[in-house]
Structures are given as structure tokens and as C-alpha cells.
Amino acid sequence: MNPAIAATIAELGLDISKRIPRAVTPADLATADLVVAMKPGLALPAAPSGRFLEWSFPDPADWSAENVRPLREAV
């Protein structure tokens, strides 16, 4: 987890600092009402049962908080 991303989300009152990204499973997709793929054309392990959206924006993995805030506000 990029610390700058965690910090900008904490500004909204949510603590994601201890969260660890993991792979999406077929069970996740079978129970999700909405799936948002951050990379267009991303291969999923199963078809989502709910609504499916593809968003495209640069990977913020190494961004500073100043760079992350506009992305956070755009979503």
C-alpha cells in the first residue's frame, strides 16, 4: 500500500494503512454488485454477476499525496 494513498484516504476518516491487496476470486465476482476494473482489458478469473465498469487512469503506486488527492476527488 502506497503510504500517500493511505494518508489521503485517512483524510476522509478511513484507515486503509494495514490493508493488503489480494487477487480477486471467482467467489468475489459471484457476490459483487459492482466490479470496477482499474485496467481496461483486465482478465478476470470468472464473469462478474453484477455491474462491470472499466476505469482507466495512471497507476498511482509511487505518487505523493499531492498527486493522489486530485485522483481521489475525481472518483
PDB file of N, CA and C in Angstrom:
ATOM      1  N   MET A   1       0.852  -1.179   0.000  1.00  0.00           N
ATOM      2  CA  MET A   1       0.000   0.000   0.000  1.00  0.00           C
ATOM      3  C   MET A   1       0.894   1.236   0.000  1.00  0.00           C
ATOM      4  N   ASN A   2       0.653   2.111  -0.971  1.00  0.00           N
ATOM      5  CA  ASN A   2       1.387   3.379  -1.036  1.00  0.00           C
ATOM      6  C   ASN A   2       0.974   4.221   0.174  1.00  0.00           C
ATOM      7  N   PRO A   3       1.924   4.645   1.025  1.00  0.00           N
ATOM      8  CA  PRO A   3       1.581   5.448   2.206  1.00  0.00           C
ATOM      9  C   PRO A   3       0.842   6.742   1.859  1.00  0.00           C
ATOM     10  N   ALA A   4       1.140   7.337   0.716  1.00  0.00           N
ATOM     11  CA  ALA A   4       0.448   8.569   0.310  1.00  0.00           C
ATOM     12  C   ALA A   4      -1.022   8.299   0.028  1.00  0.00           C
ATOM     13  N   ILE A   5      -1.326   7.151  -0.550  1.00  0.00           N
ATOM     14  CA  ILE A   5      -2.725   6.800  -0.801  1.00  0.00           C
ATOM     15  C   ILE A   5      -3.438   6.583   0.526  1.00  0.00           C
ATOM     16  N   ALA A   6      -2.811   5.834   1.424  1.00  0.00           N
ATOM     17  CA  ALA A   6      -3.408   5.598   2.745  1.00  0.00           C
ATOM     18  C   ALA A   6      -3.653   6.923   3.467  1.00  0.00           C
ATOM     19  N   ALA A   7      -2.709   7.855   3.361  1.00  0.00           N
ATOM     20  CA  ALA A   7      -2.844   9.154   4.041  1.00  0.00           C
ATOM     21  C   ALA A   7      -4.001   9.965   3.466  1.00  0.00           C
ATOM     22  N   THR A   8      -4.157   9.948   2.147  1.00  0.00           N
ATOM     23  CA  THR A   8      -5.250  10.738   1.554  1.00  0.00           C
ATOM     24  C   THR A   8      -6.609  10.118   1.842  1.00  0.00           C
ATOM     25  N   ILE A   9      -6.667   8.817   1.989  1.00  0.00           N
ATOM     26  CA  ILE A   9      -7.926   8.168   2.368  1.00  0.00           C
ATOM     27  C   ILE A   9      -8.208   8.422   3.851  1.00  0.00           C
ATOM     28  N   ALA A  10      -7.156   8.474   4.681  1.00  0.00           N
ATOM     29  CA  ALA A  10      -7.322   8.789   6.105  1.00  0.00           C
ATOM     30  C   ALA A  10      -7.908  10.184   6.290  1.00  0.00           C
ATOM     31  N   GLU A  11      -7.616  11.092   5.355  1.00  0.00           N
ATOM     32  CA  GLU A  11      -8.204  12.434   5.417  1.00  0.00           C
ATOM     33  C   GLU A  11      -9.722  12.385   5.323  1.00  0.00           C
ATOM     34  N   LEU A  12     -10.254  11.295   4.795  1.00  0.00           N
ATOM     35  CA  LEU A  12     -11.707  11.101   4.704  1.00  0.00           C
ATOM     36  C   LEU A  12     -12.255  10.329   5.901  1.00  0.00           C
ATOM     37  N   GLY A  13     -11.364   9.972   6.833  1.00  0.00           N
ATOM     38  CA  GLY A  13     -11.795   9.258   8.037  1.00  0.00           C
ATOM     39  C   GLY A  13     -11.738   7.747   7.920  1.00  0.00           C
ATOM     40  N   LEU A  14     -11.064   7.213   6.914  1.00  0.00           N
ATOM     41  CA  LEU A  14     -10.956   5.768   6.733  1.00  0.00           C
ATOM     42  C   LEU A  14      -9.503   5.332   6.855  1.00  0.00           C
ATOM     43  N   ASP A  15      -9.250   4.274   7.617  1.00  0.00           N
ATOM     44  CA  ASP A  15      -7.895   3.764   7.783  1.00  0.00           C
ATOM     45  C   ASP A  15      -7.709   2.530   6.914  1.00  0.00           C
ATOM     46  N   ILE A  16      -6.932   2.674   5.827  1.00  0.00           N
ATOM     47  CA  ILE A  16      -6.628   1.534   4.965  1.00  0.00           C
ATOM     48  C   ILE A  16      -5.141   1.175   5.042  1.00  0.00           C
ATOM     49  N   SER A  17      -4.435   1.743   6.002  1.00  0.00           N
ATOM     50  CA  SER A  17      -2.982   1.583   6.080  1.00  0.00           C
ATOM     51  C   SER A  17      -2.541   0.134   6.282  1.00  0.00           C
ATOM     52  N   LYS A  18      -3.360  -0.695   6.873  1.00  0.00           N
ATOM     53  CA  LYS A  18      -2.996  -2.091   7.135  1.00  0.00           C
ATOM     54  C   LYS A  18      -3.558  -3.046   6.072  1.00  0.00           C
ATOM     55  N   ARG A  19      -4.259  -2.506   5.095  1.00  0.00           N
ATOM     56  CA  ARG A  19      -4.855  -3.345   4.048  1.00  0.00           C
ATOM     57  C   ARG A  19      -3.778  -3.882   3.116  1.00  0.00           C
ATOM     58  N   ILE A  20      -3.964  -5.110   2.668  1.00  0.00           N
ATOM     59  CA  ILE A  20      -3.024  -5.746   1.746  1.00  0.00           C
ATOM     60  C   ILE A  20      -3.810  -6.146   0.496  1.00  0.00           C
ATOM     61  N   PRO A  21      -3.391  -5.649  -0.670  1.00  0.00           N
ATOM     62  CA  PRO A  21      -4.079  -6.041  -1.897  1.00  0.00           C
ATOM     63  C   PRO A  21      -4.018  -7.554  -2.096  1.00  0.00           C
ATOM     64  N   ARG A  22      -5.067  -8.098  -2.668  1.00  0.00           N
ATOM     65  CA  ARG A  22      -5.091  -9.538  -2.958  1.00  0.00           C
ATOM     66  C   ARG A  22      -5.794  -9.750  -4.294  1.00  0.00           C
ATOM     67  N   ALA A  23      -5.624 -10.913  -4.847  1.00  0.00           N
ATOM     68  CA  ALA A  23      -6.255 -11.254  -6.118  1.00  0.00           C
ATOM     69  C   ALA A  23      -7.769 -11.415  -5.936  1.00  0.00           C
ATOM     70  N   VAL A  24      -8.500 -11.025  -6.927  1.00  0.00           N
ATOM     71  CA  VAL A  24      -9.951 -11.215  -6.936  1.00  0.00           C
ATOM     72  C   VAL A  24     -10.235 -12.674  -7.248  1.00  0.00           C
ATOM     73  N   THR A  25     -11.169 -13.257  -6.511  1.00  0.00           N
ATOM     74  CA  THR A  25     -11.510 -14.666  -6.709  1.00  0.00           C
ATOM     75  C   THR A  25     -12.855 -14.798  -7.431  1.00  0.00           C
ATOM     76  N   PRO A  26     -13.132 -15.972  -8.003  1.00  0.00           N
ATOM     77  CA  PRO A  26     -14.454 -16.197  -8.591  1.00  0.00           C
ATOM     78  C   PRO A  26     -15.583 -15.983  -7.577  1.00  0.00           C
ATOM     79  N   ALA A  27     -15.341 -16.339  -6.314  1.00  0.00           N
ATOM     80  CA  ALA A  27     -16.360 -16.123  -5.279  1.00  0.00           C
ATOM     81  C   ALA A  27     -16.626 -14.627  -5.077  1.00  0.00           C
ATOM     82  N   ASP A  28     -15.575 -13.800  -5.124  1.00  0.00           N
ATOM     83  CA  ASP A  28     -15.756 -12.347  -5.021  1.00  0.00           C
ATOM     84  C   ASP A  28     -16.661 -11.851  -6.147  1.00  0.00           C
ATOM     85  N   LEU A  29     -16.368 -12.300  -7.352  1.00  0.00           N
ATOM     86  CA  LEU A  29     -17.110 -11.845  -8.526  1.00  0.00           C
ATOM     87  C   LEU A  29     -18.553 -12.336  -8.527  1.00  0.00           C
ATOM     88  N   ALA A  30     -18.785 -13.504  -7.935  1.00  0.00           N
ATOM     89  CA  ALA A  30     -20.134 -14.065  -7.890  1.00  0.00           C
ATOM     90  C   ALA A  30     -21.038 -13.318  -6.917  1.00  0.00           C
ATOM     91  N   THR A  31     -20.448 -12.618  -5.941  1.00  0.00           N
ATOM     92  CA  THR A  31     -21.253 -11.949  -4.928  1.00  0.00           C
ATOM     93  C   THR A  31     -21.220 -10.426  -5.022  1.00  0.00           C
ATOM     94  N   ALA A  32     -20.435  -9.901  -5.935  1.00  0.00           N
ATOM     95  CA  ALA A  32     -20.289  -8.443  -6.043  1.00  0.00           C
ATOM     96  C   ALA A  32     -21.446  -7.829  -6.822  1.00  0.00           C
ATOM     97  N   ASP A  33     -21.961  -6.710  -6.307  1.00  0.00           N
ATOM     98  CA  ASP A  33     -22.975  -5.940  -7.022  1.00  0.00           C
ATOM     99  C   ASP A  33     -22.341  -5.082  -8.106  1.00  0.00           C
ATOM    100  N   LEU A  34     -21.088  -4.668  -7.877  1.00  0.00           N
ATOM    101  CA  LEU A  34     -20.372  -3.804  -8.795  1.00  0.00           C
ATOM    102  C   LEU A  34     -18.901  -4.182  -8.802  1.00  0.00           C
ATOM    103  N   VAL A  35     -18.333  -4.347  -9.981  1.00  0.00           N
ATOM    104  CA  VAL A  35     -16.912  -4.625 -10.138  1.00  0.00           C
ATOM    105  C   VAL A  35     -16.335  -3.498 -10.987  1.00  0.00           C
ATOM    106  N   VAL A  36     -15.279  -2.861 -10.477  1.00  0.00           N
ATOM    107  CA  VAL A  36     -14.607  -1.795 -11.212  1.00  0.00           C
ATOM    108  C   VAL A  36     -13.191  -2.259 -11.516  1.00  0.00           C
ATOM    109  N   ALA A  37     -12.898  -2.453 -12.800  1.00  0.00           N
ATOM    110  CA  ALA A  37     -11.554  -2.839 -13.230  1.00  0.00           C
ATOM    111  C   ALA A  37     -10.753  -1.565 -13.456  1.00  0.00           C
ATOM    112  N   MET A  38      -9.599  -1.477 -12.845  1.00  0.00           N
ATOM    113  CA  MET A  38      -8.768  -0.284 -12.958  1.00  0.00           C
ATOM    114  C   MET A  38      -7.898  -0.299 -14.204  1.00  0.00           C
ATOM    115  N   LYS A  39      -7.822  -1.435 -14.869  1.00  0.00           N
ATOM    116  CA  LYS A  39      -7.051  -1.560 -16.111  1.00  0.00           C
ATOM    117  C   LYS A  39      -7.978  -2.121 -17.173  1.00  0.00           C
ATOM    118  N   PRO A  40      -8.269  -1.360 -18.226  1.00  0.00           N
ATOM    119  CA  PRO A  40      -9.112  -1.891 -19.303  1.00  0.00           C
ATOM    120  C   PRO A  40      -8.523  -3.173 -19.889  1.00  0.00           C
ATOM    121  N   GLY A  41      -9.393  -4.141 -20.155  1.00  0.00           N
ATOM    122  CA  GLY A  41      -8.959  -5.410 -20.725  1.00  0.00           C
ATOM    123  C   GLY A  41      -8.410  -6.390 -19.714  1.00  0.00           C
ATOM    124  N   LEU A  42      -8.507  -6.055 -18.432  1.00  0.00           N
ATOM    125  CA  LEU A  42      -8.001  -6.932 -17.376  1.00  0.00           C
ATOM    126  C   LEU A  42      -8.721  -8.277 -17.425  1.00  0.00           C
ATOM    127  N   ALA A  43      -7.971  -9.361 -17.403  1.00  0.00           N
ATOM    128  CA  ALA A  43      -8.560 -10.701 -17.400  1.00  0.00           C
ATOM    129  C   ALA A  43      -9.031 -11.047 -15.988  1.00  0.00           C
ATOM    130  N   LEU A  44     -10.282 -11.429 -15.868  1.00  0.00           N
ATOM    131  CA  LEU A  44     -10.851 -11.826 -14.582  1.00  0.00           C
ATOM    132  C   LEU A  44     -10.949 -13.348 -14.516  1.00  0.00           C
ATOM    133  N   PRO A  45     -10.912 -13.935 -13.304  1.00  0.00           N
ATOM    134  CA  PRO A  45     -10.978 -15.389 -13.185  1.00  0.00           C
ATOM    135  C   PRO A  45     -12.378 -15.955 -13.438  1.00  0.00           C
ATOM    136  N   ALA A  46     -13.378 -15.100 -13.526  1.00  0.00           N
ATOM    137  CA  ALA A  46     -14.766 -15.522 -13.789  1.00  0.00           C
ATOM    138  C   ALA A  46     -15.551 -14.284 -14.207  1.00  0.00           C
ATOM    139  N   ALA A  47     -16.731 -14.502 -14.733  1.00  0.00           N
ATOM    140  CA  ALA A  47     -17.581 -13.376 -15.118  1.00  0.00           C
ATOM    141  C   ALA A  47     -18.223 -12.775 -13.867  1.00  0.00           C
ATOM    142  N   PRO A  48     -18.258 -11.445 -13.754  1.00  0.00           N
ATOM    143  CA  PRO A  48     -18.922 -10.821 -12.609  1.00  0.00           C
ATOM    144  C   PRO A  48     -20.433 -11.010 -12.694  1.00  0.00           C
ATOM    145  N   SER A  49     -21.067 -11.182 -11.555  1.00  0.00           N
ATOM    146  CA  SER A  49     -22.523 -11.357 -11.548  1.00  0.00           C
ATOM    147  C   SER A  49     -23.249 -10.018 -11.559  1.00  0.00           C
ATOM    148  N   GLY A  50     -22.574  -8.966 -11.146  1.00  0.00           N
ATOM    149  CA  GLY A  50     -23.184  -7.639 -11.084  1.00  0.00           C
ATOM    150  C   GLY A  50     -22.683  -6.750 -12.206  1.00  0.00           C
ATOM    151  N   ARG A  51     -22.885  -5.476 -12.006  1.00  0.00           N
ATOM    152  CA  ARG A  51     -22.465  -4.468 -12.978  1.00  0.00           C
ATOM    153  C   ARG A  51     -20.936  -4.436 -13.082  1.00  0.00           C
ATOM    154  N   PHE A  52     -20.427  -4.226 -14.291  1.00  0.00           N
ATOM    155  CA  PHE A  52     -18.988  -4.220 -14.531  1.00  0.00           C
ATOM    156  C   PHE A  52     -18.599  -2.914 -15.216  1.00  0.00           C
ATOM    157  N   LEU A  53     -17.631  -2.200 -14.627  1.00  0.00           N
ATOM    158  CA  LEU A  53     -17.118  -0.955 -15.198  1.00  0.00           C
ATOM    159  C   LEU A  53     -15.614  -1.069 -15.381  1.00  0.00           C
ATOM    160  N   GLU A  54     -15.102  -0.404 -16.410  1.00  0.00           N
ATOM    161  CA  GLU A  54     -13.664  -0.308 -16.602  1.00  0.00           C
ATOM    162  C   GLU A  54     -13.263   1.156 -16.505  1.00  0.00           C
ATOM    163  N   TRP A  55     -12.362   1.453 -15.594  1.00  0.00           N
ATOM    164  CA  TRP A  55     -11.817   2.801 -15.445  1.00  0.00           C
ATOM    165  C   TRP A  55     -10.368   2.763 -15.900  1.00  0.00           C
ATOM    166  N   SER A  56      -9.930   3.823 -16.517  1.00  0.00           N
ATOM    167  CA  SER A  56      -8.543   3.888 -16.954  1.00  0.00           C
ATOM    168  C   SER A  56      -7.898   5.161 -16.420  1.00  0.00           C
ATOM    169  N   PHE A  57      -6.863   5.012 -15.622  1.00  0.00           N
ATOM    170  CA  PHE A  57      -6.068   6.139 -15.161  1.00  0.00           C
ATOM    171  C   PHE A  57      -4.685   5.632 -14.791  1.00  0.00           C
ATOM    172  N   PRO A  58      -3.708   6.515 -14.723  1.00  0.00           N
ATOM    173  CA  PRO A  58      -2.339   6.083 -14.424  1.00  0.00           C
ATOM    174  C   PRO A  58      -2.248   5.376 -13.067  1.00  0.00           C
ATOM    175  N   ASP A  59      -1.313   4.450 -12.965  1.00  0.00           N
ATOM    176  CA  ASP A  59      -1.085   3.720 -11.721  1.00  0.00           C
ATOM    177  C   ASP A  59      -0.464   4.668 -10.693  1.00  0.00           C
ATOM    178  N   PRO A  60      -1.141   4.918  -9.571  1.00  0.00           N
ATOM    179  CA  PRO A  60      -0.629   5.856  -8.563  1.00  0.00           C
ATOM    180  C   PRO A  60       0.298   5.217  -7.524  1.00  0.00           C
ATOM    181  N   ALA A  61       0.841   4.053  -7.805  1.00  0.00           N
ATOM    182  CA  ALA A  61       1.633   3.315  -6.813  1.00  0.00           C
ATOM    183  C   ALA A  61       2.766   4.135  -6.198  1.00  0.00           C
ATOM    184  N   ASP A  62       3.417   4.987  -6.973  1.00  0.00           N
ATOM    185  CA  ASP A  62       4.556   5.748  -6.452  1.00  0.00           C
ATOM    186  C   ASP A  62       4.262   7.235  -6.296  1.00  0.00           C
ATOM    187  N   TRP A  63       3.013   7.621  -6.356  1.00  0.00           N
ATOM    188  CA  TRP A  63       2.647   9.037  -6.294  1.00  0.00           C
ATOM    189  C   TRP A  63       2.731   9.582  -4.874  1.00  0.00           C
ATOM    190  N   SER A  64       2.901  10.906  -4.783  1.00  0.00           N
ATOM    191  CA  SER A  64       2.849  11.602  -3.499  1.00  0.00           C
ATOM    192  C   SER A  64       1.389  11.929  -3.183  1.00  0.00           C
ATOM    193  N   ALA A  65       1.129  12.349  -1.947  1.00  0.00           N
ATOM    194  CA  ALA A  65      -0.231  12.721  -1.548  1.00  0.00           C
ATOM    195  C   ALA A  65      -0.769  13.853  -2.419  1.00  0.00           C
ATOM    196  N   GLU A  66       0.091  14.780  -2.809  1.00  0.00           N
ATOM    197  CA  GLU A  66      -0.348  15.898  -3.655  1.00  0.00           C
ATOM    198  C   GLU A  66      -0.825  15.412  -5.013  1.00  0.00           C
ATOM    199  N   ASN A  67      -0.236  14.332  -5.521  1.00  0.00           N
ATOM    200  CA  ASN A  67      -0.655  13.764  -6.779  1.00  0.00           C
ATOM    201  C   ASN A  67      -1.903  12.894  -6.643  1.00  0.00           C
ATOM    202  N   VAL A  68      -2.049  12.255  -5.473  1.00  0.00           N
ATOM    203  CA  VAL A  68      -3.165  11.348  -5.256  1.00  0.00           C
ATOM    204  C   VAL A  68      -4.487  12.081  -5.029  1.00  0.00           C
ATOM    205  N   ARG A  69      -4.447  13.211  -4.330  1.00  0.00           N
ATOM    206  CA  ARG A  69      -5.687  13.925  -3.980  1.00  0.00           C
ATOM    207  C   ARG A  69      -6.585  14.226  -5.181  1.00  0.00           C
ATOM    208  N   PRO A  70      -6.064  14.760  -6.299  1.00  0.00           N
ATOM    209  CA  PRO A  70      -6.953  15.012  -7.438  1.00  0.00           C
ATOM    210  C   PRO A  70      -7.608  13.751  -7.977  1.00  0.00           C
ATOM    211  N   LEU A  71      -6.878  12.634  -7.967  1.00  0.00           N
ATOM    212  CA  LEU A  71      -7.455  11.370  -8.396  1.00  0.00           C
ATOM    213  C   LEU A  71      -8.553  10.929  -7.438  1.00  0.00           C
ATOM    214  N   ARG A  72      -8.292  11.038  -6.143  1.00  0.00           N
ATOM    215  CA  ARG A  72      -9.298  10.698  -5.130  1.00  0.00           C
ATOM    216  C   ARG A  72     -10.556  11.522  -5.314  1.00  0.00           C
ATOM    217  N   GLU A  73     -10.411  12.800  -5.561  1.00  0.00           N
ATOM    218  CA  GLU A  73     -11.555  13.688  -5.701  1.00  0.00           C
ATOM    219  C   GLU A  73     -12.321  13.461  -7.003  1.00  0.00           C
ATOM    220  N   ALA A  74     -11.668  12.902  -8.010  1.00  0.00           N
ATOM    221  CA  ALA A  74     -12.318  12.681  -9.304  1.00  0.00           C
ATOM    222  C   ALA A  74     -13.218  11.455  -9.286  1.00  0.00           C
ATOM    223  N   VAL A  75     -13.017  10.575  -8.334  1.00  0.00           N
ATOM    224  CA  VAL A  75     -13.779   9.313  -8.310  1.00  0.00           C
ATOM    225  C   VAL A  75     -15.102   9.460  -7.642  1.00  0.00           C
TER     226      VAL A  75
END
